[in-house]
N, C-alpha and C. Protein backbone atom coordinates (compact mmCIF):
# COMPACT_ATOMS: atom_id res chain seq x y z
N MET A 1 100.98 102.58 121.96
CA MET A 1 102.31 102.11 121.61
C MET A 1 102.37 101.79 120.12
N ASP A 2 103.41 102.30 119.45
CA ASP A 2 103.56 102.06 118.02
C ASP A 2 104.06 100.65 117.75
N LYS A 3 103.64 100.10 116.62
CA LYS A 3 104.12 98.79 116.19
C LYS A 3 105.57 98.89 115.74
N VAL A 4 106.33 97.86 116.02
CA VAL A 4 107.72 97.77 115.56
C VAL A 4 107.68 97.30 114.11
N SER A 5 108.45 97.92 113.24
CA SER A 5 108.48 97.54 111.84
C SER A 5 109.24 96.23 111.65
N PRO A 6 108.63 95.24 110.99
CA PRO A 6 109.33 93.98 110.76
C PRO A 6 110.18 94.01 109.49
N GLY A 7 111.04 94.99 109.38
CA GLY A 7 111.90 95.13 108.20
C GLY A 7 112.98 94.07 108.15
N PRO A 8 113.90 94.23 107.21
CA PRO A 8 114.98 93.24 107.06
C PRO A 8 115.93 93.25 108.25
N TRP A 9 116.57 92.11 108.45
CA TRP A 9 117.56 92.00 109.51
C TRP A 9 118.78 92.81 109.16
N ASN A 10 119.50 93.26 110.18
CA ASN A 10 120.73 94.00 109.94
C ASN A 10 121.87 93.08 109.52
N VAL A 11 121.74 91.79 109.79
CA VAL A 11 122.73 90.78 109.39
C VAL A 11 121.98 89.61 108.77
N CYS A 12 122.35 89.25 107.56
CA CYS A 12 121.74 88.13 106.86
C CYS A 12 122.22 86.81 107.48
N VAL A 13 121.35 85.83 107.56
CA VAL A 13 121.74 84.50 108.03
C VAL A 13 121.85 83.59 106.81
N LEU A 14 123.00 82.97 106.65
CA LEU A 14 123.24 82.04 105.55
C LEU A 14 123.25 80.63 106.12
N LEU A 15 122.57 79.70 105.43
CA LEU A 15 122.61 78.33 105.88
C LEU A 15 122.62 77.40 104.69
N ARG A 16 123.17 76.23 104.89
CA ARG A 16 123.23 75.21 103.84
C ARG A 16 122.15 74.19 104.13
N THR A 17 121.35 73.92 103.10
CA THR A 17 120.26 72.97 103.24
C THR A 17 120.18 72.10 101.99
N GLY A 18 119.36 71.10 102.05
CA GLY A 18 119.11 70.26 100.89
C GLY A 18 120.20 69.24 100.63
N LYS A 19 119.92 68.38 99.69
CA LYS A 19 120.84 67.30 99.34
C LYS A 19 122.17 67.80 98.80
N HIS A 20 122.14 68.90 98.09
CA HIS A 20 123.35 69.41 97.46
C HIS A 20 123.97 70.57 98.23
N GLY A 21 123.48 70.83 99.42
CA GLY A 21 124.06 71.88 100.24
C GLY A 21 123.87 73.28 99.70
N ALA A 22 122.70 73.53 99.13
CA ALA A 22 122.42 74.86 98.58
C ALA A 22 122.48 75.90 99.70
N VAL A 23 122.99 77.06 99.38
CA VAL A 23 123.07 78.15 100.35
C VAL A 23 121.80 78.98 100.25
N GLU A 24 121.19 79.23 101.39
CA GLU A 24 119.99 80.07 101.44
C GLU A 24 120.30 81.32 102.24
N PHE A 25 119.76 82.43 101.79
CA PHE A 25 119.91 83.71 102.47
C PHE A 25 118.59 84.02 103.16
N ILE A 26 118.62 84.12 104.47
CA ILE A 26 117.43 84.45 105.24
C ILE A 26 117.62 85.87 105.75
N THR A 27 116.74 86.77 105.34
CA THR A 27 116.95 88.19 105.64
C THR A 27 115.84 88.85 106.45
N THR A 28 114.74 88.13 106.67
CA THR A 28 113.63 88.71 107.44
C THR A 28 113.00 87.65 108.32
N ALA A 29 112.21 88.11 109.27
CA ALA A 29 111.47 87.19 110.13
C ALA A 29 110.48 86.38 109.30
N GLU A 30 109.92 86.99 108.26
CA GLU A 30 108.99 86.29 107.38
C GLU A 30 109.69 85.15 106.65
N ASP A 31 110.90 85.41 106.14
CA ASP A 31 111.69 84.36 105.47
C ASP A 31 111.99 83.23 106.44
N ALA A 32 112.40 83.59 107.65
CA ALA A 32 112.75 82.59 108.65
C ALA A 32 111.54 81.75 109.03
N LEU A 33 110.41 82.38 109.20
CA LEU A 33 109.19 81.66 109.56
C LEU A 33 108.80 80.67 108.46
N ALA A 34 108.91 81.10 107.21
CA ALA A 34 108.61 80.20 106.10
C ALA A 34 109.57 79.01 106.09
N LYS A 35 110.85 79.27 106.33
CA LYS A 35 111.84 78.19 106.36
C LYS A 35 111.58 77.24 107.52
N LEU A 36 111.24 77.78 108.67
CA LEU A 36 110.95 76.95 109.84
C LEU A 36 109.75 76.04 109.61
N HIS A 37 108.79 76.50 108.84
CA HIS A 37 107.58 75.71 108.57
C HIS A 37 107.74 74.77 107.38
N ASP A 38 108.90 74.77 106.73
CA ASP A 38 109.13 73.96 105.54
C ASP A 38 110.00 72.75 105.86
N ASN A 39 109.41 71.72 106.43
CA ASN A 39 110.11 70.46 106.75
C ASN A 39 111.38 70.67 107.57
N TRP A 40 111.31 71.45 108.63
CA TRP A 40 112.47 71.69 109.49
C TRP A 40 112.95 70.37 110.07
N PRO A 41 114.26 70.09 110.02
CA PRO A 41 114.77 68.76 110.39
C PRO A 41 114.65 68.40 111.87
N ARG A 42 114.73 69.35 112.76
CA ARG A 42 114.66 69.04 114.20
C ARG A 42 113.80 70.08 114.91
N PRO A 43 112.48 69.91 114.90
CA PRO A 43 111.61 70.89 115.56
C PRO A 43 111.59 70.70 117.08
N GLU A 44 112.65 71.15 117.71
CA GLU A 44 112.79 71.00 119.15
C GLU A 44 112.69 72.36 119.84
N ARG A 45 113.34 72.50 120.98
CA ARG A 45 113.19 73.69 121.82
C ARG A 45 113.54 75.01 121.12
N ALA A 46 114.72 75.08 120.52
CA ALA A 46 115.13 76.32 119.85
C ALA A 46 114.22 76.61 118.65
N TYR A 47 113.76 75.56 118.00
CA TYR A 47 112.81 75.72 116.89
C TYR A 47 111.54 76.41 117.37
N ARG A 48 110.97 75.91 118.44
CA ARG A 48 109.73 76.50 118.98
C ARG A 48 109.94 77.95 119.39
N ARG A 49 111.08 78.23 119.99
CA ARG A 49 111.40 79.60 120.40
C ARG A 49 111.55 80.50 119.16
N ALA A 50 112.16 79.98 118.10
CA ALA A 50 112.34 80.77 116.88
C ALA A 50 111.00 81.06 116.20
N VAL A 51 110.12 80.07 116.16
CA VAL A 51 108.80 80.29 115.57
C VAL A 51 108.07 81.38 116.34
N ALA A 52 108.06 81.28 117.66
CA ALA A 52 107.37 82.28 118.49
C ALA A 52 107.99 83.66 118.30
N SER A 53 109.32 83.74 118.25
CA SER A 53 110.00 85.03 118.09
C SER A 53 109.70 85.64 116.73
N CYS A 54 109.73 84.83 115.68
CA CYS A 54 109.42 85.33 114.33
C CYS A 54 107.98 85.82 114.26
N GLN A 55 107.07 85.09 114.87
CA GLN A 55 105.67 85.51 114.88
C GLN A 55 105.51 86.84 115.62
N ASP A 56 106.22 87.00 116.73
CA ASP A 56 106.17 88.26 117.47
C ASP A 56 106.66 89.43 116.63
N VAL A 57 107.73 89.21 115.87
CA VAL A 57 108.27 90.26 115.01
C VAL A 57 107.28 90.60 113.89
N VAL A 58 106.73 89.58 113.26
CA VAL A 58 105.77 89.80 112.18
C VAL A 58 104.56 90.58 112.68
N ARG A 59 104.14 90.30 113.90
CA ARG A 59 103.00 91.02 114.50
C ARG A 59 103.37 92.43 114.95
N GLY A 60 104.67 92.72 114.96
CA GLY A 60 105.11 94.03 115.39
C GLY A 60 105.29 94.16 116.88
N TRP A 61 105.40 93.04 117.56
CA TRP A 61 105.53 93.03 119.02
C TRP A 61 106.97 93.01 119.50
N ALA A 62 107.93 92.78 118.61
CA ALA A 62 109.34 92.66 119.02
C ALA A 62 110.23 93.19 117.90
N PRO A 63 111.44 93.62 118.25
CA PRO A 63 112.38 94.08 117.22
C PRO A 63 112.92 92.90 116.42
N THR A 64 113.36 93.17 115.20
CA THR A 64 113.76 92.11 114.28
C THR A 64 114.94 91.28 114.76
N TYR A 65 115.85 91.90 115.51
CA TYR A 65 117.04 91.14 115.93
C TYR A 65 116.68 89.97 116.84
N VAL A 66 115.56 90.06 117.55
CA VAL A 66 115.13 88.97 118.43
C VAL A 66 114.86 87.71 117.61
N ALA A 67 114.19 87.87 116.48
CA ALA A 67 113.91 86.73 115.61
C ALA A 67 115.18 86.18 114.99
N ARG A 68 116.09 87.06 114.59
CA ARG A 68 117.34 86.60 113.96
C ARG A 68 118.15 85.75 114.93
N ILE A 69 118.27 86.20 116.15
CA ILE A 69 119.03 85.45 117.15
C ILE A 69 118.37 84.10 117.43
N ALA A 70 117.06 84.09 117.58
CA ALA A 70 116.34 82.84 117.83
C ALA A 70 116.46 81.89 116.63
N PHE A 71 116.42 82.44 115.42
CA PHE A 71 116.56 81.61 114.22
C PHE A 71 117.95 81.00 114.15
N GLU A 72 118.97 81.77 114.47
CA GLU A 72 120.34 81.25 114.48
C GLU A 72 120.46 80.07 115.44
N GLU A 73 119.83 80.17 116.60
CA GLU A 73 119.87 79.07 117.57
C GLU A 73 119.16 77.83 117.03
N ALA A 74 118.05 78.03 116.33
CA ALA A 74 117.33 76.90 115.74
C ALA A 74 118.16 76.23 114.66
N VAL A 75 118.89 77.02 113.88
CA VAL A 75 119.77 76.48 112.84
C VAL A 75 120.85 75.62 113.49
N LYS A 76 121.45 76.12 114.55
CA LYS A 76 122.48 75.35 115.27
C LYS A 76 121.90 74.06 115.83
N GLU A 77 120.73 74.14 116.46
CA GLU A 77 120.08 72.97 117.05
C GLU A 77 119.79 71.91 115.99
N ALA A 78 119.42 72.35 114.79
CA ALA A 78 119.08 71.42 113.71
C ALA A 78 120.31 70.82 113.05
N GLY A 79 121.48 71.34 113.37
CA GLY A 79 122.71 70.81 112.78
C GLY A 79 122.94 71.30 111.36
N LEU A 80 122.28 72.38 110.98
CA LEU A 80 122.52 72.98 109.67
C LEU A 80 123.76 73.85 109.78
N HIS A 81 124.46 74.02 108.70
CA HIS A 81 125.66 74.84 108.71
C HIS A 81 125.26 76.30 108.75
N LEU A 82 125.69 77.00 109.76
CA LEU A 82 125.37 78.42 109.91
C LEU A 82 126.57 79.24 109.52
N HIS A 83 126.37 80.19 108.63
CA HIS A 83 127.43 81.08 108.19
C HIS A 83 126.99 82.50 108.48
N LEU A 84 127.82 83.26 109.16
CA LEU A 84 127.49 84.65 109.47
C LEU A 84 128.38 85.58 108.70
């Protein structure tokens, strides 16, 4: 079985973070994984699912959209502003 390419997402995820509400563009599972590991405000259920999904994509075990959807749910769970 061939590995799935962990290329960029077909839809960028925009979120507001930080004290001044800076907008961040998350475009890959690698970007999302780095953001999730960088002082994520609410590491709860959707967070854990997003980390696992991003890791699966990076390993080539899942298509990229799986990580994007899981990351969007983690953003919502954390109460960050999600812009699509």
